[in-house]
Amino acid sequence: IQMSSAGLKLIATPLSHYARKVRILLDLCAIPYQFCDIVGNIALTKKPSEVGGHPLMKVPVLQHGTEWLVESDHIAQYLVGQFDPTDKYDVMRTKVFDLNTRAILNGLMNEELKVIVAKRHGVPVEEYQYFNKARDAVSNGLDWLEANHGKFDSKAAKYREFHLVCMWDHLQYYDFVPKMSNKYPR
């Protein structure tokens, strides 16, 4: 049974790569929703109410009637469960490669955010091993993705390809990749 999408709100920032993969899924599945941009800088939020009630003050947050959900992959799974019973974009896929790819892409995005948020607040990231490790993790993750590029299908894109595009665009937007290396994409 499909539920109504009435009252569906996605609370996020326009540049969030996590929210973007959810927005792509919503748009491709033709699920109507309201995009609610948070007010101000996500890094400066002080209360859960500023980001849709998420106690960790992160985006995206999906509100559907009286329900709310956090974490982009959980939101995508919820949307498929409610509105796309055929799972035409393989959101629910549990093959080992897909699960590892999702974990690596999410990890890449988390490591990237550590560095860009610190830099945004004036932290000299080059001076700290913590941030060097984050950059190394991104580089290692990109190497893994490059080694497995043949398993991605640009002609019949599914959720993992959406995820890859969102991660790559974010790295490019914040000029993260050129500062690491000029070897991507091959």
Protein backbone atom coordinates (compact mmCIF):
# COMPACT_ATOMS: atom_id res chain seq x y z
CA ILE A 1 0.00 0.00 0.00
CA GLN A 2 1.41 3.34 -1.00
CA MET A 3 0.99 6.24 1.39
CA SER A 4 0.17 9.79 0.40
CA SER A 5 3.10 12.11 -0.07
CA ALA A 6 1.03 14.98 1.35
CA GLY A 7 3.01 16.91 3.90
CA LEU A 8 6.39 15.55 2.74
CA LYS A 9 9.18 18.01 3.61
CA LEU A 10 12.90 17.63 3.11
CA ILE A 11 14.87 19.88 5.43
CA ALA A 12 18.42 20.43 4.26
CA THR A 13 20.90 22.81 2.73
CA PRO A 14 20.95 23.20 -1.06
CA LEU A 15 24.59 22.07 -1.27
CA SER A 16 24.28 19.01 0.96
CA HIS A 17 25.46 15.96 -0.97
CA TYR A 18 23.49 13.77 1.43
CA ALA A 19 20.28 15.67 0.69
CA ARG A 20 21.00 15.78 -3.03
CA LYS A 21 20.88 12.00 -3.46
CA VAL A 22 17.50 12.01 -1.69
CA ARG A 23 16.30 14.87 -3.90
CA ILE A 24 17.34 12.96 -7.03
CA LEU A 25 15.37 9.93 -5.83
CA LEU A 26 12.32 12.05 -4.97
CA ASP A 27 12.41 13.74 -8.37
CA LEU A 28 12.95 10.56 -10.41
CA CYS A 29 10.15 8.79 -8.53
CA ALA A 30 7.94 11.86 -9.09
CA ILE A 31 7.19 12.13 -5.36
CA PRO A 32 5.98 15.66 -4.55
CA TYR A 33 7.75 17.28 -1.62
CA GLN A 34 8.60 20.65 -0.18
CA PHE A 35 12.30 21.54 0.10
CA CYS A 36 12.96 23.54 3.26
CA ASP A 37 16.35 25.23 3.35
CA ILE A 38 17.66 25.66 6.87
CA VAL A 39 18.28 29.21 7.92
CA GLY A 40 21.95 30.10 8.17
CA ASN A 41 25.10 27.99 8.26
CA ILE A 42 24.61 24.34 9.29
CA ALA A 43 27.94 24.44 11.15
CA LEU A 44 26.61 27.22 13.37
CA THR A 45 23.32 25.60 14.40
CA LYS A 46 22.75 25.50 18.12
CA LYS A 47 19.34 23.86 18.49
CA PRO A 48 17.69 20.80 16.93
CA SER A 49 14.69 22.96 16.00
CA GLU A 50 16.92 24.79 13.50
CA VAL A 51 17.34 21.58 11.48
CA GLY A 52 13.95 19.91 11.57
CA GLY A 53 14.28 18.52 15.07
CA HIS A 54 17.36 16.35 14.45
CA PRO A 55 19.03 16.04 17.87
CA LEU A 56 22.48 15.82 16.24
CA MET A 57 21.74 19.01 14.26
CA LYS A 58 22.53 17.49 10.87
CA VAL A 59 20.73 17.35 7.54
CA PRO A 60 18.83 16.00 5.76
CA VAL A 61 15.68 15.48 7.78
CA LEU A 62 12.51 14.15 6.17
CA GLN A 63 9.19 15.08 7.71
CA HIS A 64 6.15 13.13 6.60
CA GLY A 65 3.05 14.10 8.49
CA THR A 66 3.85 13.46 12.14
CA GLU A 67 6.86 11.23 11.35
CA TRP A 68 10.43 12.43 10.89
CA LEU A 69 13.46 10.55 9.70
CA VAL A 70 17.21 11.28 9.57
CA GLU A 71 20.20 9.95 7.59
CA SER A 72 19.98 10.09 3.82
CA ASP A 73 20.13 6.34 3.18
CA HIS A 74 17.42 5.68 5.77
CA ILE A 75 15.30 8.40 4.20
CA ALA A 76 15.80 6.83 0.75
CA GLN A 77 14.81 3.39 2.08
CA TYR A 78 11.72 4.86 3.73
CA LEU A 79 10.71 6.62 0.51
CA VAL A 80 11.09 3.44 -1.53
CA GLY A 81 9.11 1.48 1.06
CA GLN A 82 6.30 4.02 0.96
CA PHE A 83 6.21 5.13 -2.68
CA ASP A 84 8.23 2.80 -4.93
CA PRO A 85 7.41 -0.84 -4.18
CA THR A 86 9.36 -2.04 -7.24
CA ASP A 87 12.53 -0.24 -6.03
CA LYS A 88 13.39 0.78 -9.58
CA TYR A 89 16.61 2.53 -8.44
CA ASP A 90 17.94 -0.34 -6.26
CA VAL A 91 17.89 1.59 -2.99
CA MET A 92 17.15 -1.59 -1.02
CA ARG A 93 19.84 -3.64 -2.76
CA THR A 94 21.99 -5.61 -0.29
CA LYS A 95 24.71 -7.07 -2.48
CA VAL A 96 28.11 -6.79 -0.83
CA PHE A 97 29.50 -4.40 -3.45
CA ASP A 98 26.54 -2.05 -3.07
CA LEU A 99 26.76 -2.04 0.72
CA ASN A 100 30.52 -1.42 0.63
CA THR A 101 30.11 1.29 -1.99
CA ARG A 102 27.50 3.05 0.11
CA ALA A 103 29.72 2.86 3.20
CA ILE A 104 32.77 4.13 1.30
CA LEU A 105 30.88 6.99 -0.35
CA ASN A 106 29.34 8.04 2.97
CA GLY A 107 32.75 7.76 4.62
CA LEU A 108 34.35 9.88 1.89
CA MET A 109 31.69 12.52 2.37
CA ASN A 110 32.16 12.49 6.16
CA GLU A 111 35.94 12.85 5.87
CA GLU A 112 35.61 15.65 3.33
CA LEU A 113 33.24 17.53 5.63
CA LYS A 114 35.69 17.36 8.53
CA VAL A 115 38.24 19.24 6.47
CA ILE A 116 36.01 21.79 4.74
CA VAL A 117 34.12 22.74 7.91
CA ALA A 118 37.37 23.15 9.85
CA LYS A 119 38.83 25.31 7.07
CA ARG A 120 35.64 27.37 6.96
CA HIS A 121 36.25 28.21 10.61
CA GLY A 122 39.88 29.14 10.14
CA VAL A 123 41.52 25.95 11.41
CA PRO A 124 44.92 25.47 9.74
CA VAL A 125 44.08 21.92 8.68
CA GLU A 126 47.50 21.28 7.10
CA GLU A 127 49.06 21.42 10.59
CA TYR A 128 47.04 18.57 12.09
CA GLN A 129 47.43 14.84 11.51
CA TYR A 130 43.69 14.39 12.13
CA PHE A 131 42.92 16.33 8.95
CA ASN A 132 45.79 14.74 7.02
CA LYS A 133 44.26 11.37 7.81
CA ALA A 134 40.87 12.63 6.60
CA ARG A 135 42.42 13.75 3.29
CA ASP A 136 44.25 10.41 3.02
CA ALA A 137 40.97 8.57 3.63
CA VAL A 138 39.33 10.54 0.82
CA SER A 139 42.23 9.74 -1.50
CA ASN A 140 42.13 6.03 -0.59
CA GLY A 141 38.37 5.96 -1.10
CA LEU A 142 38.72 7.59 -4.50
CA ASP A 143 41.38 5.03 -5.43
CA TRP A 144 38.97 2.23 -4.44
CA LEU A 145 36.19 3.78 -6.50
CA GLU A 146 38.52 4.18 -9.46
CA ALA A 147 39.60 0.53 -9.19
CA ASN A 148 35.92 -0.47 -9.24
CA HIS A 149 34.69 2.00 -11.86
CA GLY A 150 33.56 -0.79 -14.17
CA LYS A 151 30.84 -1.78 -11.70
CA PHE A 152 29.08 1.57 -12.12
CA ASP A 153 26.62 2.02 -14.99
CA SER A 154 26.18 5.56 -16.28
CA LYS A 155 23.65 4.39 -18.88
CA ALA A 156 21.25 2.87 -16.33
CA ALA A 157 21.98 4.91 -13.22
CA LYS A 158 20.71 3.62 -9.91
CA TYR A 159 21.01 4.86 -6.33
CA ARG A 160 24.72 4.04 -6.06
CA GLU A 161 25.42 6.12 -9.17
CA PHE A 162 23.35 9.02 -7.75
CA HIS A 163 25.44 8.74 -4.61
CA LEU A 164 28.70 8.79 -6.59
CA VAL A 165 27.68 11.86 -8.61
CA CYS A 166 26.62 13.75 -5.48
CA MET A 167 29.91 12.96 -3.74
CA TRP A 168 32.00 13.89 -6.77
CA ASP A 169 30.14 17.15 -7.41
CA HIS A 170 30.63 18.15 -3.76
CA LEU A 171 34.36 17.41 -3.93
CA GLN A 172 34.58 19.50 -7.07
CA TYR A 173 32.44 22.35 -5.72
CA TYR A 174 34.67 22.75 -2.68
CA ASP A 175 37.83 22.33 -4.79
CA PHE A 176 38.80 19.37 -2.62
CA VAL A 177 40.05 17.01 -5.30
CA PRO A 178 42.49 19.32 -7.12
CA LYS A 179 44.17 20.16 -3.83
CA MET A 180 44.80 16.45 -3.27
CA SER A 181 45.67 15.29 -6.73
CA ASN A 182 44.99 15.76 -10.39
CA LYS A 183 44.60 12.05 -11.02
CA TYR A 184 40.77 11.90 -10.83
CA PRO A 185 38.78 10.96 -12.73
CA ARG A 186 40.84 8.66 -14.86
